[in-house]
Amino acid sequence: MIFLHGSGERGNDNEAQLKWGVLNFASDQHMKMHPSIVIAPQCPTDMQWGNFSREDMSLLPTPSKPMKLLKELIDHAIETMPVDTNRIYITGLSMGGFGTFDAISRYPDLFAAAVPVCGGGDPSKSETISHIPIWIFHGALDGAVDPVLSRNMVEGLTKAGGHPGYTQYPRTGHFAWIAAYNDTMMMEWLYDQRK
């Protein structure tokens, strides 16, 4: 389980990234039902998980330095830990939601499922990732990340033959991850996915 935090949790203390959501995946109760290796790296200050054009959300050719390091970290975990390579999942909130779309677009054969929360991606990459089970979450009243960015991905994925899930909370702003990561249906769905 790869968890990408949001911009407010960047830094170098290796603790701030634990503030929102990730502990839901690492709780004793959750681990009893779904034993997992949970990886929650921290993005340095002033850097981003994703590397998209600000003009049109197109994925830029080179990954950000944190994304490059994340890929190396996943590869290292696969080499040194008992990782089921048919069940590598990724999720992220806000900046991490963008990072989730970036990661699955760059490495479309790596992940068994993805849950981007209040993020966005490059709809032109939809055909490349339409085979991946994806459940997208957003708040309808999000003033920080426009919900249209998630809806554009739902539309692109659907047109490309995918079957994305989409939950838009009608009374929620940017903090859609609180409800998303407490959604037991989403959790059960996620851990049921296999490549």
Protein backbone atom coordinates (compact mmCIF):
# COMPACT_ATOMS: atom_id res chain seq x y z
CA MET A 1 0.00 0.00 0.00
CA ILE A 2 1.59 3.23 -1.20
CA PHE A 3 0.24 6.38 0.47
CA LEU A 4 1.06 9.86 -0.87
CA HIS A 5 0.33 12.76 1.46
CA GLY A 6 -0.72 16.30 0.57
CA SER A 7 1.29 19.51 0.27
CA GLY A 8 0.75 20.50 3.90
CA GLU A 9 2.64 17.45 5.12
CA ARG A 10 5.82 18.01 3.14
CA GLY A 11 9.10 18.30 5.01
CA ASN A 12 11.90 16.18 6.39
CA ASP A 13 10.65 15.08 9.82
CA ASN A 14 9.30 11.73 8.51
CA GLU A 15 6.20 12.22 10.69
CA ALA A 16 3.98 14.91 9.17
CA GLN A 17 2.90 12.56 6.36
CA LEU A 18 1.13 10.41 8.97
CA LYS A 19 -1.36 13.19 9.81
CA TRP A 20 -4.20 12.30 7.42
CA GLY A 21 -5.53 8.93 6.37
CA VAL A 22 -2.53 6.63 6.25
CA LEU A 23 -3.07 5.30 9.76
CA ASN A 24 -6.43 3.92 8.61
CA PHE A 25 -4.40 1.48 6.47
CA ALA A 26 -2.03 0.64 9.34
CA SER A 27 -4.44 0.21 12.26
CA ASP A 28 -4.40 -3.07 14.17
CA GLN A 29 -7.97 -3.82 13.10
CA HIS A 30 -7.24 -3.14 9.42
CA MET A 31 -4.00 -5.16 9.52
CA LYS A 32 -5.87 -8.16 10.95
CA MET A 33 -8.20 -8.13 7.95
CA HIS A 34 -5.65 -7.01 5.35
CA PRO A 35 -2.03 -7.66 6.38
CA SER A 36 -0.06 -5.10 4.39
CA ILE A 37 3.24 -3.40 3.90
CA VAL A 38 2.27 0.28 4.15
CA ILE A 39 4.74 2.73 2.62
CA ALA A 40 4.18 6.42 3.34
CA PRO A 41 7.15 8.45 2.11
CA GLN A 42 7.49 12.17 2.76
CA CYS A 43 7.90 14.64 -0.07
CA PRO A 44 10.47 17.39 0.61
CA THR A 45 9.30 20.96 1.08
CA ASP A 46 8.81 22.88 -2.20
CA MET A 47 8.64 19.68 -4.26
CA GLN A 48 5.68 17.76 -5.73
CA TRP A 49 4.79 14.12 -6.30
CA GLY A 50 3.36 14.82 -9.74
CA ASN A 51 4.85 16.63 -12.70
CA PHE A 52 2.05 18.11 -14.80
CA SER A 53 1.84 21.19 -17.02
CA ARG A 54 0.04 24.00 -15.19
CA GLU A 55 -1.53 25.10 -18.48
CA ASP A 56 -3.35 21.94 -19.56
CA MET A 57 -2.63 19.19 -16.99
CA SER A 58 -0.55 17.24 -19.51
CA LEU A 59 1.90 14.84 -17.90
CA LEU A 60 5.44 16.12 -18.40
CA PRO A 61 7.96 13.59 -19.75
CA THR A 62 10.28 13.54 -16.73
CA PRO A 63 9.05 12.46 -13.30
CA SER A 64 9.58 14.79 -10.36
CA LYS A 65 12.51 13.88 -8.14
CA PRO A 66 10.16 12.61 -5.39
CA MET A 67 8.32 10.42 -7.93
CA LYS A 68 11.62 9.01 -9.23
CA LEU A 69 12.67 8.22 -5.65
CA LEU A 70 9.25 6.69 -4.92
CA LYS A 71 9.66 4.30 -7.86
CA GLU A 72 13.12 3.34 -6.58
CA LEU A 73 11.65 2.78 -3.09
CA ILE A 74 8.92 0.50 -4.49
CA ASP A 75 11.48 -1.44 -6.53
CA HIS A 76 13.65 -1.84 -3.41
CA ALA A 77 10.66 -3.06 -1.37
CA ILE A 78 9.86 -5.62 -4.07
CA GLU A 79 13.46 -6.89 -3.96
CA THR A 80 13.83 -7.01 -0.17
CA MET A 81 10.36 -7.65 1.30
CA PRO A 82 7.57 -10.18 0.73
CA VAL A 83 5.64 -7.93 -1.64
CA ASP A 84 2.81 -9.44 -3.67
CA THR A 85 3.48 -7.72 -7.00
CA ASN A 86 -0.08 -8.50 -8.11
CA ARG A 87 -1.46 -6.44 -5.24
CA ILE A 88 0.42 -3.12 -5.13
CA TYR A 89 -2.05 -0.32 -4.42
CA ILE A 90 -1.60 3.44 -4.45
CA THR A 91 -3.60 6.27 -2.98
CA GLY A 92 -3.00 9.91 -2.21
CA LEU A 93 -4.78 13.04 -1.14
CA SER A 94 -4.61 16.48 -2.76
CA MET A 95 -0.99 16.79 -3.95
CA GLY A 96 -0.87 13.03 -3.37
CA GLY A 97 -4.00 12.61 -5.52
CA PHE A 98 -2.12 14.27 -8.37
CA GLY A 99 0.85 12.03 -7.50
CA THR A 100 -1.37 8.96 -7.69
CA PHE A 101 -2.45 9.83 -11.23
CA ASP A 102 1.17 10.64 -12.13
CA ALA A 103 2.42 7.29 -10.79
CA ILE A 104 -0.17 5.12 -12.53
CA SER A 105 0.33 7.05 -15.79
CA ARG A 106 4.12 6.58 -15.70
CA TYR A 107 4.05 2.99 -14.42
CA PRO A 108 0.73 1.58 -15.66
CA ASP A 109 1.74 -2.05 -15.19
CA LEU A 110 2.91 -1.65 -11.59
CA PHE A 111 -0.31 -1.04 -9.68
CA ALA A 112 -3.30 -3.31 -9.05
CA ALA A 113 -5.58 -0.39 -8.09
CA ALA A 114 -5.56 3.32 -7.32
CA VAL A 115 -7.59 5.68 -5.13
CA PRO A 116 -6.83 9.33 -5.97
CA VAL A 117 -8.53 11.75 -3.56
CA CYS A 118 -9.13 15.41 -4.48
CA GLY A 119 -6.47 15.41 -7.16
CA GLY A 120 -6.29 15.38 -10.94
CA GLY A 121 -4.42 13.88 -13.84
CA ASP A 122 -3.84 13.98 -17.57
CA PRO A 123 -7.00 12.77 -19.37
CA SER A 124 -4.96 12.09 -22.53
CA LYS A 125 -3.30 9.21 -20.62
CA SER A 126 -6.67 7.56 -19.93
CA GLU A 127 -6.21 4.82 -22.51
CA THR A 128 -2.90 3.84 -20.90
CA ILE A 129 -4.47 3.45 -17.44
CA SER A 130 -8.07 2.43 -18.22
CA HIS A 131 -7.27 -1.21 -17.30
CA ILE A 132 -6.42 -0.21 -13.71
CA PRO A 133 -9.28 -0.33 -11.19
CA ILE A 134 -9.57 3.30 -10.01
CA TRP A 135 -11.95 4.85 -7.49
CA ILE A 136 -11.77 8.65 -7.49
CA PHE A 137 -12.99 10.82 -4.59
CA HIS A 138 -13.58 14.57 -4.45
CA GLY A 139 -15.57 17.16 -2.52
CA ALA A 140 -18.10 19.14 -4.56
CA LEU A 141 -17.21 22.33 -2.65
CA ASP A 142 -13.42 21.93 -2.95
CA GLY A 143 -11.93 25.41 -3.27
CA ALA A 144 -8.32 24.21 -3.36
CA VAL A 145 -8.51 21.62 -6.17
CA ASP A 146 -11.33 22.04 -8.68
CA PRO A 147 -13.53 18.90 -8.75
CA VAL A 148 -13.63 19.22 -12.55
CA LEU A 149 -10.09 17.77 -12.57
CA SER A 150 -11.41 14.50 -11.10
CA ARG A 151 -14.48 14.54 -13.35
CA ASN A 152 -12.26 15.02 -16.42
CA MET A 153 -10.41 11.85 -15.44
CA VAL A 154 -13.66 9.93 -14.92
CA GLU A 155 -14.82 11.04 -18.37
CA GLY A 156 -11.49 10.18 -20.03
CA LEU A 157 -11.27 6.79 -18.38
CA THR A 158 -14.86 5.93 -19.26
CA LYS A 159 -14.36 6.95 -22.90
CA ALA A 160 -11.23 4.75 -22.97
CA GLY A 161 -13.26 1.74 -21.84
CA GLY A 162 -12.43 1.89 -18.14
CA HIS A 163 -14.89 1.55 -15.29
CA PRO A 164 -13.74 4.12 -12.72
CA GLY A 165 -15.58 4.64 -9.48
CA TYR A 166 -16.36 8.23 -8.60
CA THR A 167 -17.62 9.57 -5.31
CA GLN A 168 -18.28 13.28 -5.01
CA TYR A 169 -19.35 14.39 -1.56
CA PRO A 170 -21.98 17.13 -2.02
CA ARG A 171 -21.28 19.09 1.17
CA THR A 172 -17.53 18.59 1.40
CA GLY A 173 -14.72 20.96 0.57
CA HIS A 174 -11.08 20.00 0.26
CA PHE A 175 -11.08 17.49 3.14
CA ALA A 176 -12.76 14.69 1.15
CA TRP A 177 -10.07 12.29 2.35
CA ILE A 178 -11.61 12.08 5.84
CA ALA A 179 -14.72 10.38 4.47
CA ALA A 180 -12.87 8.52 1.71
CA TYR A 181 -10.38 6.81 4.03
CA ASN A 182 -13.15 5.91 6.47
CA ASP A 183 -15.23 4.28 3.72
CA THR A 184 -15.20 0.57 4.52
CA MET A 185 -16.70 -0.26 1.12
CA MET A 186 -13.78 1.46 -0.60
CA MET A 187 -11.28 -0.34 1.64
CA GLU A 188 -12.81 -3.75 0.91
CA TRP A 189 -12.97 -2.96 -2.82
CA LEU A 190 -9.33 -1.86 -2.86
CA TYR A 191 -7.96 -4.96 -1.18
CA ASP A 192 -10.03 -7.21 -3.46
CA GLN A 193 -8.16 -5.93 -6.54
CA ARG A 194 -5.48 -8.04 -8.18
CA LYS A 195 -3.61 -7.70 -11.46
